[in-house]
Amino acid sequence: MADKNGKQHGGYTRVLNEFLDLYMPMMSGSEFKMLMFLLRKTVGWNRRSDHISISQVVRGAGVGKRTAVRAAKGFGNWPPYFSTTTPNGTTKRFTAGDTLFSASESYTRFPNKIIDGLLPTLTGAEFKILAHIVRETIGRQRAAATVAKVDFADATGLSRMQTNRAIVKLVSRGIITENGNQYALAAGYALPINSKKQSAIADLYSQLTGIPVNKLDASLVEILEIYKPSKTDLQRAIDDVKAHYPHNGKTALQYSHTAIQSALGY
């Protein structure tokens, strides 16, 4: 959310989890950086649309002009996320789709300080690694996350060598901390962890599903907190999700707040 001056409350931009989980490994580093810049300029300032020139993209995202022009064409026609019009030859008006603002979509609170201060200065590989750490810490409401190098590579689409180099650079710049396979954002870039992860309803859900509280998606816990279903209704919803997703029911119960919300009838 943002105030009347456009400042994001809590210092973050809503970034849909599907961008971090699904699209990031399929994008080049430069494309992903440009996507984050567009999200910051629209969703991050609570704007449905904004006029953005190629030169702004080059400076703000830290990408080359040729890449910015090519990516702008792709992102400009990407329903349901973005559409564009071109009022003049140098500026595009990017319009964010309703999906990016929808309360029913799961998202990660991405620190504005990272997008505004670090995006132009990091390589695509470095920013992808950093984004995955944001997803695994802030996105799952924990201060630190245990991530194997192979999991970094899978989540970002980077090679093991690129992953190792990026981590070394981020640590050397004091952006992240590394302790074995445990990673965290440095204090200056982290956001407060939501105490709702330890709520009674989250504990109940954990008991019924067998999924540890700290492994539950933050948006899922938020939905549980909003509706506070009874134990009977919650068990019924869990059984419905398992029946609907016979092959990946546990994954749906761990990550998909929309599956639980639908099963609860809300």
C-alpha atoms as a PDB file:
ATOM      1  CA  MET A   1       0.000   0.000   0.000  1.00  0.00           C
ATOM      2  CA  ALA A   2       1.055   3.623  -0.386  1.00  0.00           C
ATOM      3  CA  ASP A   3       0.151   6.941   1.169  1.00  0.00           C
ATOM      4  CA  LYS A   4      -1.114  10.020  -0.678  1.00  0.00           C
ATOM      5  CA  ASN A   5       2.463  10.983  -1.510  1.00  0.00           C
ATOM      6  CA  GLY A   6       3.122   7.630  -3.120  1.00  0.00           C
ATOM      7  CA  LYS A   7       5.409   6.388  -0.362  1.00  0.00           C
ATOM      8  CA  GLN A   8       5.081   2.674   0.237  1.00  0.00           C
ATOM      9  CA  HIS A   9       4.043   1.839   3.800  1.00  0.00           C
ATOM     10  CA  GLY A  10       6.588  -0.485   5.366  1.00  0.00           C
ATOM     11  CA  GLY A  11       9.092   0.298   2.609  1.00  0.00           C
ATOM     12  CA  TYR A  12       8.201  -2.527   0.250  1.00  0.00           C
ATOM     13  CA  THR A  13       6.707  -3.304  -3.144  1.00  0.00           C
ATOM     14  CA  ARG A  14       4.280  -6.204  -3.641  1.00  0.00           C
ATOM     15  CA  VAL A  15       5.937  -8.700  -5.985  1.00  0.00           C
ATOM     16  CA  LEU A  16       3.764 -11.646  -6.995  1.00  0.00           C
ATOM     17  CA  ASN A  17       5.302 -14.941  -5.928  1.00  0.00           C
ATOM     18  CA  GLU A  18       4.792 -16.329  -9.420  1.00  0.00           C
ATOM     19  CA  PHE A  19       7.318 -13.786 -10.719  1.00  0.00           C
ATOM     20  CA  LEU A  20       9.897 -15.069  -8.234  1.00  0.00           C
ATOM     21  CA  ASP A  21       9.000 -18.758  -8.372  1.00  0.00           C
ATOM     22  CA  LEU A  22       7.995 -19.301 -11.996  1.00  0.00           C
ATOM     23  CA  TYR A  23       9.217 -16.521 -14.258  1.00  0.00           C
ATOM     24  CA  MET A  24      12.571 -15.555 -12.734  1.00  0.00           C
ATOM     25  CA  PRO A  25      14.462 -18.706 -13.831  1.00  0.00           C
ATOM     26  CA  MET A  26      13.086 -18.309 -17.363  1.00  0.00           C
ATOM     27  CA  MET A  27      14.183 -14.670 -17.691  1.00  0.00           C
ATOM     28  CA  SER A  28      17.625 -13.283 -18.342  1.00  0.00           C
ATOM     29  CA  GLY A  29      19.088 -11.245 -15.510  1.00  0.00           C
ATOM     30  CA  SER A  30      18.511  -8.007 -17.403  1.00  0.00           C
ATOM     31  CA  GLU A  31      14.883  -8.884 -18.170  1.00  0.00           C
ATOM     32  CA  PHE A  32      14.226  -9.696 -14.532  1.00  0.00           C
ATOM     33  CA  LYS A  33      15.825  -6.436 -13.398  1.00  0.00           C
ATOM     34  CA  MET A  34      13.628  -4.517 -15.816  1.00  0.00           C
ATOM     35  CA  LEU A  35      10.525  -6.317 -14.527  1.00  0.00           C
ATOM     36  CA  MET A  36      11.395  -5.313 -10.964  1.00  0.00           C
ATOM     37  CA  PHE A  37      11.911  -1.707 -12.073  1.00  0.00           C
ATOM     38  CA  LEU A  38       8.472  -1.631 -13.742  1.00  0.00           C
ATOM     39  CA  LEU A  39       6.833  -3.114 -10.635  1.00  0.00           C
ATOM     40  CA  ARG A  40       8.482  -0.484  -8.472  1.00  0.00           C
ATOM     41  CA  LYS A  41       7.350   2.360 -10.760  1.00  0.00           C
ATOM     42  CA  THR A  42       3.747   1.147 -10.798  1.00  0.00           C
ATOM     43  CA  VAL A  43       2.723  -1.139  -7.931  1.00  0.00           C
ATOM     44  CA  GLY A  44       5.457   0.221  -5.659  1.00  0.00           C
ATOM     45  CA  TRP A  45       4.011   3.726  -5.901  1.00  0.00           C
ATOM     46  CA  ASN A  46       0.413   2.496  -5.978  1.00  0.00           C
ATOM     47  CA  ARG A  47       0.037   3.699  -9.565  1.00  0.00           C
ATOM     48  CA  ARG A  48      -1.997   1.940 -12.181  1.00  0.00           C
ATOM     49  CA  SER A  49       0.216   3.381 -14.891  1.00  0.00           C
ATOM     50  CA  ASP A  50       3.282   5.509 -15.433  1.00  0.00           C
ATOM     51  CA  HIS A  51       5.138   7.115 -18.324  1.00  0.00           C
ATOM     52  CA  ILE A  52       8.569   5.479 -18.492  1.00  0.00           C
ATOM     53  CA  SER A  53      11.228   6.319 -21.041  1.00  0.00           C
ATOM     54  CA  ILE A  54      13.918   3.922 -22.206  1.00  0.00           C
ATOM     55  CA  SER A  55      16.547   6.172 -20.644  1.00  0.00           C
ATOM     56  CA  GLN A  56      14.763   5.841 -17.283  1.00  0.00           C
ATOM     57  CA  VAL A  57      14.856   2.067 -17.609  1.00  0.00           C
ATOM     58  CA  VAL A  58      18.555   2.112 -18.480  1.00  0.00           C
ATOM     59  CA  ARG A  59      19.372   4.221 -15.418  1.00  0.00           C
ATOM     60  CA  GLY A  60      16.891   2.739 -12.973  1.00  0.00           C
ATOM     61  CA  ALA A  61      17.323  -0.935 -13.824  1.00  0.00           C
ATOM     62  CA  GLY A  62      20.973  -0.781 -14.781  1.00  0.00           C
ATOM     63  CA  VAL A  63      20.530  -2.490 -18.144  1.00  0.00           C
ATOM     64  CA  GLY A  64      21.786  -1.692 -21.638  1.00  0.00           C
ATOM     65  CA  LYS A  65      19.668   0.360 -24.051  1.00  0.00           C
ATOM     66  CA  ARG A  66      19.251  -2.473 -26.557  1.00  0.00           C
ATOM     67  CA  THR A  67      18.050  -4.809 -23.798  1.00  0.00           C
ATOM     68  CA  ALA A  68      15.693  -2.147 -22.442  1.00  0.00           C
ATOM     69  CA  VAL A  69      14.100  -1.584 -25.851  1.00  0.00           C
ATOM     70  CA  ARG A  70      13.652  -5.306 -26.504  1.00  0.00           C
ATOM     71  CA  ALA A  71      12.289  -6.064 -23.019  1.00  0.00           C
ATOM     72  CA  ALA A  72       9.946  -3.065 -23.119  1.00  0.00           C
ATOM     73  CA  LYS A  73       8.258  -4.548 -26.175  1.00  0.00           C
ATOM     74  CA  GLY A  74       7.819  -7.883 -24.437  1.00  0.00           C
ATOM     75  CA  PHE A  75       6.578  -6.547 -21.100  1.00  0.00           C
ATOM     76  CA  GLY A  76       4.374  -4.048 -22.873  1.00  0.00           C
ATOM     77  CA  ASN A  77       2.152  -6.824 -24.180  1.00  0.00           C
ATOM     78  CA  TRP A  78       2.053  -9.253 -21.269  1.00  0.00           C
ATOM     79  CA  PRO A  79      -1.513  -9.814 -20.117  1.00  0.00           C
ATOM     80  CA  PRO A  80      -2.678  -9.878 -17.406  1.00  0.00           C
ATOM     81  CA  TYR A  81       0.318  -8.047 -15.965  1.00  0.00           C
ATOM     82  CA  PHE A  82       1.233  -5.114 -18.226  1.00  0.00           C
ATOM     83  CA  SER A  83       0.057  -3.291 -21.316  1.00  0.00           C
ATOM     84  CA  THR A  84       1.483  -0.200 -22.997  1.00  0.00           C
ATOM     85  CA  THR A  85       0.675   2.714 -25.211  1.00  0.00           C
ATOM     86  CA  THR A  86       3.264   4.942 -26.847  1.00  0.00           C
ATOM     87  CA  PRO A  87       2.257   8.628 -26.682  1.00  0.00           C
ATOM     88  CA  ASN A  88       5.518   9.634 -28.367  1.00  0.00           C
ATOM     89  CA  GLY A  89       8.563   7.998 -29.824  1.00  0.00           C
ATOM     90  CA  THR A  90      10.649   7.863 -26.651  1.00  0.00           C
ATOM     91  CA  THR A  91       8.196   7.256 -23.794  1.00  0.00           C
ATOM     92  CA  LYS A  92       5.872   4.334 -23.144  1.00  0.00           C
ATOM     93  CA  ARG A  93       2.928   4.423 -20.784  1.00  0.00           C
ATOM     94  CA  PHE A  94       3.027   1.143 -18.853  1.00  0.00           C
ATOM     95  CA  THR A  95      -0.293   0.119 -17.302  1.00  0.00           C
ATOM     96  CA  ALA A  96      -0.312  -2.493 -14.553  1.00  0.00           C
ATOM     97  CA  GLY A  97      -3.100  -5.068 -14.679  1.00  0.00           C
ATOM     98  CA  ASP A  98      -5.534  -5.738 -11.839  1.00  0.00           C
ATOM     99  CA  THR A  99      -3.731  -8.994 -11.055  1.00  0.00           C
ATOM    100  CA  LEU A 100      -0.749  -7.061  -9.703  1.00  0.00           C
ATOM    101  CA  PHE A 101      -2.956  -5.343  -7.112  1.00  0.00           C
ATOM    102  CA  SER A 102      -5.315  -8.230  -6.340  1.00  0.00           C
ATOM    103  CA  ALA A 103      -5.679  -9.196  -2.671  1.00  0.00           C
ATOM    104  CA  SER A 104      -6.228 -12.809  -3.750  1.00  0.00           C
ATOM    105  CA  GLU A 105      -2.748 -13.152  -5.271  1.00  0.00           C
ATOM    106  CA  SER A 106       0.121 -14.342  -3.075  1.00  0.00           C
ATOM    107  CA  TYR A 107       3.067 -11.971  -2.979  1.00  0.00           C
ATOM    108  CA  THR A 108       6.376 -11.213  -1.298  1.00  0.00           C
ATOM    109  CA  ARG A 109       7.138  -7.875   0.335  1.00  0.00           C
ATOM    110  CA  PHE A 110      10.208  -6.790  -1.623  1.00  0.00           C
ATOM    111  CA  PRO A 111      12.217  -4.037   0.139  1.00  0.00           C
ATOM    112  CA  ASN A 112      12.171  -0.761  -1.779  1.00  0.00           C
ATOM    113  CA  LYS A 113      15.668  -0.049  -0.484  1.00  0.00           C
ATOM    114  CA  ILE A 114      16.918  -3.003  -2.515  1.00  0.00           C
ATOM    115  CA  ILE A 115      15.113  -1.994  -5.701  1.00  0.00           C
ATOM    116  CA  ASP A 116      15.925   1.711  -5.454  1.00  0.00           C
ATOM    117  CA  GLY A 117      19.482   1.448  -4.180  1.00  0.00           C
ATOM    118  CA  LEU A 118      20.877  -1.835  -5.469  1.00  0.00           C
ATOM    119  CA  LEU A 119      19.038  -2.701  -8.685  1.00  0.00           C
ATOM    120  CA  PRO A 120      21.169  -0.429 -10.940  1.00  0.00           C
ATOM    121  CA  THR A 121      24.433  -1.555  -9.302  1.00  0.00           C
ATOM    122  CA  LEU A 122      24.054  -5.343  -9.386  1.00  0.00           C
ATOM    123  CA  THR A 123      24.508  -7.726 -12.283  1.00  0.00           C
ATOM    124  CA  GLY A 124      21.516  -9.764 -13.367  1.00  0.00           C
ATOM    125  CA  ALA A 125      22.946 -12.855 -11.671  1.00  0.00           C
ATOM    126  CA  GLU A 126      23.582 -11.018  -8.410  1.00  0.00           C
ATOM    127  CA  PHE A 127      20.097  -9.542  -8.351  1.00  0.00           C
ATOM    128  CA  LYS A 128      18.486 -12.912  -9.057  1.00  0.00           C
ATOM    129  CA  ILE A 129      20.330 -14.503  -6.126  1.00  0.00           C
ATOM    130  CA  LEU A 130      19.345 -11.598  -3.911  1.00  0.00           C
ATOM    131  CA  ALA A 131      15.710 -11.875  -5.029  1.00  0.00           C
ATOM    132  CA  HIS A 132      15.642 -15.568  -4.165  1.00  0.00           C
ATOM    133  CA  ILE A 133      16.961 -14.814  -0.685  1.00  0.00           C
ATOM    134  CA  VAL A 134      14.225 -12.186  -0.279  1.00  0.00           C
ATOM    135  CA  ARG A 135      11.662 -14.794  -1.343  1.00  0.00           C
ATOM    136  CA  GLU A 136      12.980 -17.428   1.053  1.00  0.00           C
ATOM    137  CA  THR A 137      13.291 -15.065   4.028  1.00  0.00           C
ATOM    138  CA  ILE A 138      10.766 -12.210   3.907  1.00  0.00           C
ATOM    139  CA  GLY A 139       8.483 -14.183   1.585  1.00  0.00           C
ATOM    140  CA  ARG A 140       8.276 -17.033   4.078  1.00  0.00           C
ATOM    141  CA  GLN A 141       8.399 -14.852   7.192  1.00  0.00           C
ATOM    142  CA  ARG A 142      11.763 -15.942   8.529  1.00  0.00           C
ATOM    143  CA  ALA A 143      14.970 -14.097   9.272  1.00  0.00           C
ATOM    144  CA  ALA A 144      17.258 -16.619   7.586  1.00  0.00           C
ATOM    145  CA  ALA A 145      16.839 -19.491   5.154  1.00  0.00           C
ATOM    146  CA  THR A 146      18.808 -22.648   4.453  1.00  0.00           C
ATOM    147  CA  VAL A 147      19.373 -22.902   0.701  1.00  0.00           C
ATOM    148  CA  ALA A 148      21.651 -25.362  -1.096  1.00  0.00           C
ATOM    149  CA  LYS A 149      23.687 -24.058  -4.019  1.00  0.00           C
ATOM    150  CA  VAL A 150      21.847 -26.396  -6.374  1.00  0.00           C
ATOM    151  CA  ASP A 151      18.534 -24.916  -5.182  1.00  0.00           C
ATOM    152  CA  PHE A 152      19.809 -21.414  -5.945  1.00  0.00           C
ATOM    153  CA  ALA A 153      20.691 -22.544  -9.455  1.00  0.00           C
ATOM    154  CA  ASP A 154      17.274 -24.146  -9.996  1.00  0.00           C
ATOM    155  CA  ALA A 155      15.391 -21.129  -8.648  1.00  0.00           C
ATOM    156  CA  THR A 156      17.288 -18.564 -10.705  1.00  0.00           C
ATOM    157  CA  GLY A 157      18.236 -20.375 -13.899  1.00  0.00           C
ATOM    158  CA  LEU A 158      21.907 -19.637 -13.225  1.00  0.00           C
ATOM    159  CA  SER A 159      24.854 -22.008 -13.473  1.00  0.00           C
ATOM    160  CA  ARG A 160      26.664 -23.169 -10.325  1.00  0.00           C
ATOM    161  CA  MET A 161      29.610 -20.939 -11.236  1.00  0.00           C
ATOM    162  CA  GLN A 162      27.386 -17.882 -11.704  1.00  0.00           C
ATOM    163  CA  THR A 163      25.639 -18.676  -8.421  1.00  0.00           C
ATOM    164  CA  ASN A 164      28.886 -18.950  -6.472  1.00  0.00           C
ATOM    165  CA  ARG A 165      30.298 -15.740  -7.928  1.00  0.00           C
ATOM    166  CA  ALA A 166      27.117 -13.811  -7.218  1.00  0.00           C
ATOM    167  CA  ILE A 167      26.960 -14.985  -3.604  1.00  0.00           C
ATOM    168  CA  VAL A 168      30.601 -14.053  -3.013  1.00  0.00           C
ATOM    169  CA  LYS A 169      29.954 -10.554  -4.404  1.00  0.00           C
ATOM    170  CA  LEU A 170      26.786 -10.005  -2.351  1.00  0.00           C
ATOM    171  CA  VAL A 171      28.547 -11.104   0.835  1.00  0.00           C
ATOM    172  CA  SER A 172      31.587  -8.924   0.120  1.00  0.00           C
ATOM    173  CA  ARG A 173      29.342  -5.885  -0.339  1.00  0.00           C
ATOM    174  CA  GLY A 174      27.584  -6.521   2.949  1.00  0.00           C
ATOM    175  CA  ILE A 175      24.191  -7.083   1.304  1.00  0.00           C
ATOM    176  CA  ILE A 176      23.659 -10.631   2.569  1.00  0.00           C
ATOM    177  CA  THR A 177      25.196 -12.849   5.229  1.00  0.00           C
ATOM    178  CA  GLU A 178      26.276 -16.447   4.690  1.00  0.00           C
ATOM    179  CA  ASN A 179      26.757 -19.111   7.351  1.00  0.00           C
ATOM    180  CA  GLY A 180      27.233 -22.463   5.663  1.00  0.00           C
ATOM    181  CA  ASN A 181      24.049 -22.955   3.661  1.00  0.00           C
ATOM    182  CA  GLN A 182      22.134 -20.391   5.713  1.00  0.00           C
ATOM    183  CA  TYR A 183      21.529 -16.988   4.156  1.00  0.00           C
ATOM    184  CA  ALA A 184      19.960 -13.774   5.385  1.00  0.00           C
ATOM    185  CA  LEU A 185      19.617 -10.178   4.274  1.00  0.00           C
ATOM    186  CA  ALA A 186      21.957  -7.766   6.014  1.00  0.00           C
ATOM    187  CA  ALA A 187      20.212  -5.719   8.691  1.00  0.00           C
ATOM    188  CA  GLY A 188      19.994  -2.618   6.532  1.00  0.00           C
ATOM    189  CA  TYR A 189      17.955  -4.418   3.853  1.00  0.00           C
ATOM    190  CA  ALA A 190      15.677  -6.703   5.878  1.00  0.00           C
ATOM    191  CA  LEU A 191      12.045  -6.055   6.814  1.00  0.00           C
ATOM    192  CA  PRO A 192      10.381  -6.889  10.148  1.00  0.00           C
ATOM    193  CA  ILE A 193       9.165 -10.472  10.340  1.00  0.00           C
ATOM    194  CA  ASN A 194       5.415 -10.743  10.791  1.00  0.00           C
ATOM    195  CA  SER A 195       4.654 -12.287  14.176  1.00  0.00           C
ATOM    196  CA  LYS A 196       1.447 -13.817  12.759  1.00  0.00           C
ATOM    197  CA  LYS A 197       3.521 -16.812  11.770  1.00  0.00           C
ATOM    198  CA  GLN A 198       3.282 -17.887  15.426  1.00  0.00           C
ATOM    199  CA  SER A 199      -0.476 -17.370  15.662  1.00  0.00           C
ATOM    200  CA  ALA A 200      -2.852 -19.990  17.023  1.00  0.00           C
ATOM    201  CA  ILE A 201      -4.566 -20.502  13.659  1.00  0.00           C
ATOM    202  CA  ALA A 202      -1.209 -21.090  11.946  1.00  0.00           C
ATOM    203  CA  ASP A 203      -0.266 -23.582  14.656  1.00  0.00           C
ATOM    204  CA  LEU A 204      -3.586 -25.395  14.189  1.00  0.00           C
ATOM    205  CA  TYR A 205      -3.124 -25.506  10.423  1.00  0.00           C
ATOM    206  CA  SER A 206       0.388 -26.863  10.945  1.00  0.00           C
ATOM    207  CA  GLN A 207      -0.916 -29.609  13.230  1.00  0.00           C
ATOM    208  CA  LEU A 208      -3.634 -30.658  10.783  1.00  0.00           C
ATOM    209  CA  THR A 209      -1.366 -30.698   7.717  1.00  0.00           C
ATOM    210  CA  GLY A 210       1.920 -31.793   9.263  1.00  0.00           C
ATOM    211  CA  ILE A 211       3.667 -28.812   7.647  1.00  0.00           C
ATOM    212  CA  PRO A 212       5.927 -26.794  10.004  1.00  0.00           C
ATOM    213  CA  VAL A 213       4.723 -23.242  10.623  1.00  0.00           C
ATOM    214  CA  ASN A 214       7.968 -21.731   9.340  1.00  0.00           C
ATOM    215  CA  LYS A 215       7.491 -23.510   5.999  1.00  0.00           C
ATOM    216  CA  LEU A 216       4.045 -22.020   5.326  1.00  0.00           C
ATOM    217  CA  ASP A 217       3.697 -19.283   2.742  1.00  0.00           C
ATOM    218  CA  ALA A 218       3.145 -15.862   4.340  1.00  0.00           C
ATOM    219  CA  SER A 219       0.098 -15.112   2.192  1.00  0.00           C
ATOM    220  CA  LEU A 220      -1.501 -18.397   3.257  1.00  0.00           C
ATOM    221  CA  VAL A 221      -1.107 -17.515   6.930  1.00  0.00           C
ATOM    222  CA  GLU A 222      -2.501 -14.058   6.236  1.00  0.00           C
ATOM    223  CA  ILE A 223      -5.667 -15.622   4.751  1.00  0.00           C
ATOM    224  CA  LEU A 224      -6.033 -17.902   7.780  1.00  0.00           C
ATOM    225  CA  GLU A 225      -5.680 -14.887  10.071  1.00  0.00           C
ATOM    226  CA  ILE A 226      -8.315 -12.935   8.186  1.00  0.00           C
ATOM    227  CA  TYR A 227     -10.981 -15.658   8.217  1.00  0.00           C
ATOM    228  CA  LYS A 228     -10.013 -17.635  11.350  1.00  0.00           C
ATOM    229  CA  PRO A 229     -11.957 -20.783  10.376  1.00  0.00           C
ATOM    230  CA  SER A 230     -13.005 -23.311  12.989  1.00  0.00           C
ATOM    231  CA  LYS A 231     -11.058 -26.537  13.330  1.00  0.00           C
ATOM    232  CA  THR A 232     -13.911 -28.443  11.653  1.00  0.00           C
ATOM    233  CA  ASP A 233     -14.072 -26.074   8.679  1.00  0.00           C
ATOM    234  CA  LEU A 234     -10.297 -26.025   8.378  1.00  0.00           C
ATOM    235  CA  GLN A 235     -10.060 -29.809   8.360  1.00  0.00           C
ATOM    236  CA  ARG A 236     -12.804 -30.000   5.724  1.00  0.00           C
ATOM    237  CA  ALA A 237     -10.959 -27.465   3.555  1.00  0.00           C
ATOM    238  CA  ILE A 238      -7.685 -29.380   3.917  1.00  0.00           C
ATOM    239  CA  ASP A 239      -9.400 -32.616   2.879  1.00  0.00           C
ATOM    240  CA  ASP A 240     -10.963 -30.850  -0.117  1.00  0.00           C
ATOM    241  CA  VAL A 241      -7.587 -29.518  -1.259  1.00  0.00           C
ATOM    242  CA  LYS A 242      -6.021 -32.979  -0.942  1.00  0.00           C
ATOM    243  CA  ALA A 243      -8.841 -34.452  -3.021  1.00  0.00           C
ATOM    244  CA  HIS A 244      -8.543 -31.713  -5.646  1.00  0.00           C
ATOM    245  CA  TYR A 245      -4.754 -32.012  -5.882  1.00  0.00           C
ATOM    246  CA  PRO A 246      -4.127 -35.778  -5.521  1.00  0.00           C
ATOM    247  CA  HIS A 247      -0.534 -35.592  -6.784  1.00  0.00           C
ATOM    248  CA  ASN A 248       0.679 -32.364  -5.188  1.00  0.00           C
ATOM    249  CA  GLY A 249      -1.723 -31.756  -2.324  1.00  0.00           C
ATOM    250  CA  LYS A 250       1.017 -31.054   0.210  1.00  0.00           C
ATOM    251  CA  THR A 251       2.532 -28.413  -2.043  1.00  0.00           C
ATOM    252  CA  ALA A 252      -0.866 -26.752  -2.475  1.00  0.00           C
ATOM    253  CA  LEU A 253      -1.464 -26.843   1.287  1.00  0.00           C
ATOM    254  CA  GLN A 254       1.950 -25.285   1.922  1.00  0.00           C
ATOM    255  CA  TYR A 255       1.950 -22.528  -0.686  1.00  0.00           C
ATOM    256  CA  SER A 256      -1.475 -21.948  -2.270  1.00  0.00           C
ATOM    257  CA  HIS A 257      -3.613 -19.597  -0.209  1.00  0.00           C
ATOM    258  CA  THR A 258      -6.103 -19.451  -3.091  1.00  0.00           C
ATOM    259  CA  ALA A 259      -6.684 -23.220  -2.850  1.00  0.00           C
ATOM    260  CA  ILE A 260      -7.475 -22.991   0.863  1.00  0.00           C
ATOM    261  CA  GLN A 261      -9.532 -19.813   0.429  1.00  0.00           C
ATOM    262  CA  SER A 262     -11.629 -21.504  -2.271  1.00  0.00           C
ATOM    263  CA  ALA A 263     -12.043 -24.680  -0.216  1.00  0.00           C
ATOM    264  CA  LEU A 264     -13.234 -22.607   2.744  1.00  0.00           C
ATOM    265  CA  GLY A 265     -15.862 -21.049   0.483  1.00  0.00           C
ATOM    266  CA  TYR A 266     -14.613 -17.460   0.757  1.00  0.00           C
END
